[in-house]
Amino acid sequence: MAFLTKDAIKGNKSAPKMKKVEIPEWGGHVFVRELTAHGRDRFEDVMFAFNTETGKVEMRQGQQRRTFFLVLTVCDENGDAVFTDEDISWLSEMEFSVIDRIYQEAQKINGMTVEKATKNSESPSGGNSSSD
């Protein structure tokens, strides 16, 4: 493989993965997409904080995680964002089952499911196994 110059990287028009999510309750569908690097950084900056007392990264409370994640991931068929930060308030008042369905699919396409987190937290030596 060839070395990628800055211009080659800058000119790359990568297409993030997208998935159609049917929403029969609303009479249609939406798309969810992979996060950009900027989107992932925004999500982590809003959701997590470093606790200087414990020396650990902790999840912040009360950040409307699901609706904020939808703002970052729901898109149209071209991959362009549908929502902005100003939509978080009214989105958070929508029925949970629908918002959660979209959120779950957005997590899956971004590799951010509980199963993925559990797998990533296991020790490389298999120390979490109880098959001994």
N, C-alpha and C. Protein backbone atom coordinates (compact mmCIF):
# COMPACT_ATOMS: atom_id res chain seq x y z
N MET A 1 0.83 -1.19 0.00
CA MET A 1 0.00 0.00 0.00
C MET A 1 0.87 1.24 0.00
N ALA A 2 0.35 2.27 -0.63
CA ALA A 2 1.08 3.52 -0.77
C ALA A 2 0.92 4.39 0.47
N PHE A 3 1.93 5.22 0.71
CA PHE A 3 1.86 6.21 1.77
C PHE A 3 0.82 7.25 1.39
N LEU A 4 -0.02 7.61 2.33
CA LEU A 4 -1.06 8.61 2.09
C LEU A 4 -0.56 9.98 2.52
N THR A 5 -0.52 10.88 1.57
CA THR A 5 -0.15 12.25 1.87
C THR A 5 -1.34 12.97 2.49
N LYS A 6 -1.08 14.15 3.04
CA LYS A 6 -2.16 14.93 3.61
C LYS A 6 -3.22 15.25 2.55
N ASP A 7 -2.78 15.61 1.34
CA ASP A 7 -3.73 15.92 0.28
C ASP A 7 -4.56 14.70 -0.11
N ALA A 8 -3.93 13.53 -0.11
CA ALA A 8 -4.67 12.30 -0.44
C ALA A 8 -5.72 12.00 0.63
N ILE A 9 -5.35 12.19 1.88
CA ILE A 9 -6.29 11.95 2.98
C ILE A 9 -7.41 12.98 2.93
N LYS A 10 -7.05 14.23 2.72
CA LYS A 10 -8.03 15.32 2.68
C LYS A 10 -9.01 15.13 1.53
N GLY A 11 -8.55 14.58 0.42
CA GLY A 11 -9.40 14.38 -0.75
C GLY A 11 -10.24 13.12 -0.69
N ASN A 12 -10.04 12.33 0.36
CA ASN A 12 -10.80 11.08 0.49
C ASN A 12 -12.24 11.40 0.85
N LYS A 13 -13.13 10.94 0.06
CA LYS A 13 -14.56 11.16 0.32
C LYS A 13 -15.16 9.85 0.82
N SER A 14 -14.79 9.48 2.02
CA SER A 14 -15.31 8.24 2.57
C SER A 14 -16.79 8.38 2.87
N ALA A 15 -17.49 7.30 2.71
CA ALA A 15 -18.93 7.29 2.97
C ALA A 15 -19.17 6.48 4.24
N PRO A 16 -19.65 7.13 5.30
CA PRO A 16 -19.91 6.39 6.53
C PRO A 16 -21.03 5.37 6.30
N LYS A 17 -20.94 4.27 7.04
CA LYS A 17 -22.01 3.27 6.97
C LYS A 17 -23.30 3.90 7.46
N MET A 18 -24.39 3.49 6.82
CA MET A 18 -25.71 3.97 7.22
C MET A 18 -26.66 2.79 7.30
N LYS A 19 -27.69 2.93 8.12
CA LYS A 19 -28.70 1.89 8.25
C LYS A 19 -30.08 2.55 8.32
N LYS A 20 -31.01 1.97 7.59
CA LYS A 20 -32.39 2.43 7.60
C LYS A 20 -33.09 1.83 8.82
N VAL A 21 -33.82 2.65 9.55
CA VAL A 21 -34.57 2.20 10.73
C VAL A 21 -36.04 2.53 10.50
N GLU A 22 -36.86 1.49 10.43
CA GLU A 22 -38.29 1.68 10.21
C GLU A 22 -38.95 2.20 11.49
N ILE A 23 -39.81 3.20 11.33
CA ILE A 23 -40.55 3.78 12.45
C ILE A 23 -42.04 3.79 12.08
N PRO A 24 -42.69 2.62 12.18
CA PRO A 24 -44.11 2.56 11.79
C PRO A 24 -45.00 3.49 12.62
N GLU A 25 -44.61 3.73 13.87
CA GLU A 25 -45.39 4.62 14.73
C GLU A 25 -45.45 6.04 14.18
N TRP A 26 -44.43 6.43 13.43
CA TRP A 26 -44.38 7.76 12.86
C TRP A 26 -44.69 7.75 11.37
N GLY A 27 -44.96 6.56 10.82
CA GLY A 27 -45.34 6.44 9.42
C GLY A 27 -44.18 6.56 8.44
N GLY A 28 -43.01 6.09 8.82
CA GLY A 28 -41.88 6.18 7.89
C GLY A 28 -40.61 5.56 8.44
N HIS A 29 -39.48 6.12 8.06
CA HIS A 29 -38.18 5.61 8.49
C HIS A 29 -37.20 6.77 8.64
N VAL A 30 -36.11 6.47 9.31
CA VAL A 30 -34.96 7.38 9.41
C VAL A 30 -33.72 6.56 9.06
N PHE A 31 -32.63 7.23 8.88
CA PHE A 31 -31.34 6.58 8.71
C PHE A 31 -30.46 6.95 9.90
N VAL A 32 -29.60 6.02 10.30
CA VAL A 32 -28.56 6.33 11.28
C VAL A 32 -27.23 6.06 10.60
N ARG A 33 -26.21 6.79 11.02
CA ARG A 33 -24.90 6.68 10.38
C ARG A 33 -23.80 6.50 11.41
N GLU A 34 -22.65 6.12 10.89
CA GLU A 34 -21.46 6.08 11.73
C GLU A 34 -21.10 7.50 12.14
N LEU A 35 -20.58 7.62 13.33
CA LEU A 35 -20.10 8.91 13.80
C LEU A 35 -18.86 9.34 13.03
N THR A 36 -18.71 10.63 12.87
CA THR A 36 -17.43 11.17 12.42
C THR A 36 -16.50 11.20 13.63
N ALA A 37 -15.24 11.47 13.41
CA ALA A 37 -14.31 11.62 14.53
C ALA A 37 -14.76 12.77 15.43
N HIS A 38 -15.20 13.86 14.81
CA HIS A 38 -15.69 15.02 15.58
C HIS A 38 -16.93 14.65 16.39
N GLY A 39 -17.84 13.90 15.79
CA GLY A 39 -19.05 13.48 16.49
C GLY A 39 -18.73 12.60 17.69
N ARG A 40 -17.80 11.69 17.53
CA ARG A 40 -17.42 10.81 18.64
C ARG A 40 -16.78 11.63 19.76
N ASP A 41 -15.93 12.57 19.40
CA ASP A 41 -15.31 13.43 20.42
C ASP A 41 -16.37 14.25 21.16
N ARG A 42 -17.33 14.80 20.44
CA ARG A 42 -18.41 15.57 21.08
C ARG A 42 -19.18 14.69 22.05
N PHE A 43 -19.50 13.48 21.62
CA PHE A 43 -20.26 12.56 22.47
C PHE A 43 -19.48 12.28 23.75
N GLU A 44 -18.21 11.94 23.63
CA GLU A 44 -17.41 11.64 24.81
C GLU A 44 -17.22 12.86 25.70
N ASP A 45 -17.03 14.04 25.11
CA ASP A 45 -16.86 15.26 25.91
C ASP A 45 -18.10 15.57 26.73
N VAL A 46 -19.27 15.34 26.16
CA VAL A 46 -20.52 15.64 26.86
C VAL A 46 -20.86 14.55 27.88
N MET A 47 -20.59 13.30 27.54
CA MET A 47 -21.05 12.18 28.37
C MET A 47 -20.10 11.80 29.51
N PHE A 48 -18.82 12.10 29.36
CA PHE A 48 -17.84 11.62 30.33
C PHE A 48 -17.01 12.76 30.90
N ALA A 49 -16.56 12.55 32.14
CA ALA A 49 -15.69 13.52 32.80
C ALA A 49 -14.65 12.77 33.62
N PHE A 50 -13.48 13.36 33.75
CA PHE A 50 -12.44 12.78 34.57
C PHE A 50 -12.64 13.23 36.00
N ASN A 51 -12.75 12.27 36.91
CA ASN A 51 -12.92 12.55 38.33
C ASN A 51 -11.53 12.61 38.96
N THR A 52 -11.11 13.79 39.36
CA THR A 52 -9.76 13.95 39.92
C THR A 52 -9.61 13.27 41.28
N GLU A 53 -10.72 13.07 41.99
CA GLU A 53 -10.66 12.41 43.29
C GLU A 53 -10.41 10.91 43.16
N THR A 54 -11.07 10.29 42.18
CA THR A 54 -10.92 8.84 42.00
C THR A 54 -9.88 8.48 40.95
N GLY A 55 -9.55 9.44 40.10
CA GLY A 55 -8.60 9.16 39.02
C GLY A 55 -9.23 8.33 37.90
N LYS A 56 -10.58 8.35 37.82
CA LYS A 56 -11.27 7.54 36.82
C LYS A 56 -12.16 8.43 35.94
N VAL A 57 -12.42 7.93 34.75
CA VAL A 57 -13.38 8.58 33.87
C VAL A 57 -14.76 8.05 34.24
N GLU A 58 -15.69 8.97 34.44
CA GLU A 58 -17.03 8.59 34.86
C GLU A 58 -18.07 9.20 33.94
N MET A 59 -19.20 8.51 33.79
CA MET A 59 -20.29 9.03 33.00
C MET A 59 -20.98 10.15 33.75
N ARG A 60 -21.23 11.24 33.05
CA ARG A 60 -21.96 12.36 33.64
C ARG A 60 -23.44 12.01 33.67
N GLN A 61 -24.15 12.52 34.63
CA GLN A 61 -25.58 12.26 34.75
C GLN A 61 -26.39 13.39 34.12
N GLY A 62 -27.59 13.06 33.68
CA GLY A 62 -28.53 14.06 33.20
C GLY A 62 -28.16 14.71 31.87
N GLN A 63 -27.52 13.99 30.99
CA GLN A 63 -27.07 14.59 29.74
C GLN A 63 -27.94 14.23 28.53
N GLN A 64 -29.11 13.62 28.75
CA GLN A 64 -30.00 13.23 27.66
C GLN A 64 -29.23 12.45 26.59
N ARG A 65 -28.60 11.38 27.06
CA ARG A 65 -27.71 10.57 26.24
C ARG A 65 -28.35 10.09 24.94
N ARG A 66 -29.54 9.56 25.02
CA ARG A 66 -30.16 9.00 23.82
C ARG A 66 -30.43 10.08 22.77
N THR A 67 -31.09 11.14 23.18
CA THR A 67 -31.43 12.17 22.20
C THR A 67 -30.20 12.90 21.67
N PHE A 68 -29.19 13.09 22.50
CA PHE A 68 -27.95 13.70 22.02
C PHE A 68 -27.29 12.79 20.99
N PHE A 69 -27.31 11.48 21.23
CA PHE A 69 -26.71 10.54 20.28
C PHE A 69 -27.49 10.55 18.97
N LEU A 70 -28.80 10.71 19.03
CA LEU A 70 -29.60 10.79 17.81
C LEU A 70 -29.24 12.05 17.01
N VAL A 71 -29.00 13.14 17.69
CA VAL A 71 -28.58 14.37 17.00
C VAL A 71 -27.30 14.11 16.21
N LEU A 72 -26.40 13.32 16.76
CA LEU A 72 -25.12 13.03 16.11
C LEU A 72 -25.21 11.98 15.01
N THR A 73 -26.25 11.13 15.03
CA THR A 73 -26.27 9.98 14.13
C THR A 73 -27.45 9.90 13.15
N VAL A 74 -28.58 10.51 13.45
CA VAL A 74 -29.72 10.43 12.52
C VAL A 74 -29.42 11.33 11.32
N CYS A 75 -29.63 10.76 10.13
CA CYS A 75 -29.28 11.49 8.92
C CYS A 75 -30.31 11.21 7.82
N ASP A 76 -30.19 11.97 6.74
CA ASP A 76 -31.04 11.71 5.58
C ASP A 76 -30.34 10.68 4.68
N GLU A 77 -30.94 10.41 3.52
CA GLU A 77 -30.38 9.38 2.63
C GLU A 77 -29.01 9.75 2.08
N ASN A 78 -28.61 11.03 2.20
CA ASN A 78 -27.30 11.48 1.75
C ASN A 78 -26.26 11.47 2.86
N GLY A 79 -26.68 11.14 4.08
CA GLY A 79 -25.77 11.12 5.22
C GLY A 79 -25.67 12.45 5.94
N ASP A 80 -26.51 13.41 5.56
CA ASP A 80 -26.49 14.72 6.21
C ASP A 80 -27.35 14.70 7.47
N ALA A 81 -26.87 15.36 8.52
CA ALA A 81 -27.57 15.38 9.80
C ALA A 81 -28.98 15.94 9.65
N VAL A 82 -29.91 15.33 10.36
CA VAL A 82 -31.31 15.76 10.36
C VAL A 82 -31.57 16.71 11.52
N PHE A 83 -30.96 16.44 12.67
CA PHE A 83 -31.22 17.20 13.89
C PHE A 83 -30.02 18.07 14.26
N THR A 84 -30.31 19.06 15.10
CA THR A 84 -29.27 19.90 15.70
C THR A 84 -29.43 19.83 17.22
N ASP A 85 -28.50 20.43 17.92
CA ASP A 85 -28.58 20.46 19.39
C ASP A 85 -29.89 21.07 19.88
N GLU A 86 -30.44 22.00 19.13
CA GLU A 86 -31.69 22.65 19.53
C GLU A 86 -32.87 21.67 19.55
N ASP A 87 -32.75 20.52 18.89
CA ASP A 87 -33.83 19.53 18.83
C ASP A 87 -33.84 18.58 20.03
N ILE A 88 -32.81 18.60 20.84
CA ILE A 88 -32.71 17.66 21.96
C ILE A 88 -33.91 17.78 22.91
N SER A 89 -34.33 18.97 23.21
CA SER A 89 -35.41 19.17 24.17
C SER A 89 -36.70 18.49 23.73
N TRP A 90 -37.17 18.76 22.51
CA TRP A 90 -38.44 18.16 22.09
C TRP A 90 -38.28 16.68 21.77
N LEU A 91 -37.09 16.26 21.29
CA LEU A 91 -36.86 14.82 21.06
C LEU A 91 -36.96 14.04 22.37
N SER A 92 -36.49 14.64 23.44
CA SER A 92 -36.52 13.94 24.73
C SER A 92 -37.94 13.75 25.25
N GLU A 93 -38.91 14.43 24.66
CA GLU A 93 -40.31 14.28 25.06
C GLU A 93 -41.06 13.25 24.19
N MET A 94 -40.38 12.69 23.20
CA MET A 94 -41.00 11.69 22.33
C MET A 94 -41.07 10.35 23.06
N GLU A 95 -41.91 9.45 22.52
CA GLU A 95 -42.09 8.16 23.19
C GLU A 95 -40.77 7.38 23.24
N PHE A 96 -40.49 6.85 24.42
CA PHE A 96 -39.22 6.18 24.69
C PHE A 96 -38.98 5.01 23.76
N SER A 97 -39.99 4.20 23.50
CA SER A 97 -39.78 2.99 22.70
C SER A 97 -39.23 3.32 21.31
N VAL A 98 -39.70 4.39 20.71
CA VAL A 98 -39.22 4.77 19.38
C VAL A 98 -37.81 5.35 19.46
N ILE A 99 -37.61 6.28 20.38
CA ILE A 99 -36.29 6.89 20.54
C ILE A 99 -35.25 5.82 20.86
N ASP A 100 -35.61 4.87 21.73
CA ASP A 100 -34.68 3.82 22.11
C ASP A 100 -34.37 2.90 20.93
N ARG A 101 -35.35 2.61 20.09
CA ARG A 101 -35.10 1.75 18.91
C ARG A 101 -34.07 2.40 17.99
N ILE A 102 -34.24 3.70 17.74
CA ILE A 102 -33.28 4.41 16.90
C ILE A 102 -31.91 4.44 17.57
N TYR A 103 -31.90 4.71 18.87
CA TYR A 103 -30.66 4.76 19.65
C TYR A 103 -29.92 3.42 19.59
N GLN A 104 -30.66 2.33 19.75
CA GLN A 104 -30.04 0.99 19.72
C GLN A 104 -29.37 0.73 18.36
N GLU A 105 -30.06 1.09 17.29
CA GLU A 105 -29.49 0.89 15.96
C GLU A 105 -28.27 1.78 15.73
N ALA A 106 -28.33 3.01 16.23
CA ALA A 106 -27.19 3.92 16.11
C ALA A 106 -26.00 3.38 16.89
N GLN A 107 -26.26 2.80 18.06
CA GLN A 107 -25.18 2.18 18.84
C GLN A 107 -24.55 1.03 18.07
N LYS A 108 -25.39 0.19 17.48
CA LYS A 108 -24.88 -0.98 16.75
C LYS A 108 -23.97 -0.56 15.60
N ILE A 109 -24.42 0.39 14.78
CA ILE A 109 -23.63 0.78 13.62
C ILE A 109 -22.31 1.44 14.04
N ASN A 110 -22.27 1.96 15.27
CA ASN A 110 -21.07 2.61 15.78
C ASN A 110 -20.25 1.72 16.71
N GLY A 111 -20.65 0.45 16.85
CA GLY A 111 -19.89 -0.48 17.69
C GLY A 111 -19.88 -0.07 19.15
N MET A 112 -20.99 0.51 19.61
CA MET A 112 -21.04 1.01 20.98
C MET A 112 -22.10 0.30 21.81
N THR A 113 -22.32 -0.96 21.54
CA THR A 113 -23.31 -1.72 22.30
C THR A 113 -22.71 -2.23 23.60
N VAL A 114 -23.57 -2.65 24.52
CA VAL A 114 -23.11 -3.21 25.79
C VAL A 114 -22.26 -4.45 25.52
N GLU A 115 -22.67 -5.27 24.56
CA GLU A 115 -21.91 -6.48 24.24
C GLU A 115 -20.50 -6.13 23.78
N LYS A 116 -20.38 -5.11 22.96
CA LYS A 116 -19.07 -4.67 22.46
C LYS A 116 -18.22 -4.14 23.61
N ALA A 117 -18.81 -3.35 24.50
CA ALA A 117 -18.08 -2.79 25.64
C ALA A 117 -17.61 -3.91 26.56
N THR A 118 -18.46 -4.92 26.78
CA THR A 118 -18.09 -6.04 27.62
C THR A 118 -16.94 -6.81 27.00
N LYS A 119 -17.02 -7.05 25.70
CA LYS A 119 -15.96 -7.77 25.01
C LYS A 119 -14.64 -7.01 25.09
N ASN A 120 -14.70 -5.69 24.91
CA ASN A 120 -13.49 -4.87 24.95
C ASN A 120 -12.89 -4.76 26.34
N SER A 121 -13.70 -4.96 27.38
CA SER A 121 -13.19 -4.83 28.74
C SER A 121 -12.58 -6.13 29.27
N GLU A 122 -12.78 -7.22 28.54
CA GLU A 122 -12.20 -8.49 28.99
C GLU A 122 -10.69 -8.46 28.82
N SER A 123 -10.00 -9.12 29.72
CA SER A 123 -8.54 -9.13 29.66
C SER A 123 -8.07 -9.98 28.49
N PRO A 124 -6.96 -9.59 27.84
CA PRO A 124 -6.45 -10.34 26.70
C PRO A 124 -6.08 -11.78 27.06
N SER A 125 -5.77 -12.03 28.32
CA SER A 125 -5.37 -13.36 28.72
C SER A 125 -6.57 -14.27 28.97
N GLY A 126 -7.78 -13.71 28.83
CA GLY A 126 -8.98 -14.50 29.08
C GLY A 126 -9.25 -14.68 30.54
N GLY A 127 -8.76 -13.78 31.39
CA GLY A 127 -8.91 -13.88 32.83
C GLY A 127 -10.33 -13.84 33.33
N ASN A 128 -11.28 -13.42 32.47
CA ASN A 128 -12.67 -13.35 32.87
C ASN A 128 -13.41 -14.65 32.63
N SER A 129 -12.72 -15.64 32.14
CA SER A 129 -13.36 -16.91 31.82
C SER A 129 -13.51 -17.77 33.06
N SER A 130 -14.63 -18.47 33.15
CA SER A 130 -14.84 -19.36 34.31
C SER A 130 -14.84 -20.82 33.86
N SER A 131 -14.14 -21.13 32.76
CA SER A 131 -14.15 -22.48 32.24
C SER A 131 -13.06 -23.36 32.83
N ASP A 132 -12.31 -22.87 33.83
CA ASP A 132 -11.23 -23.66 34.42
C ASP A 132 -11.75 -24.79 35.27
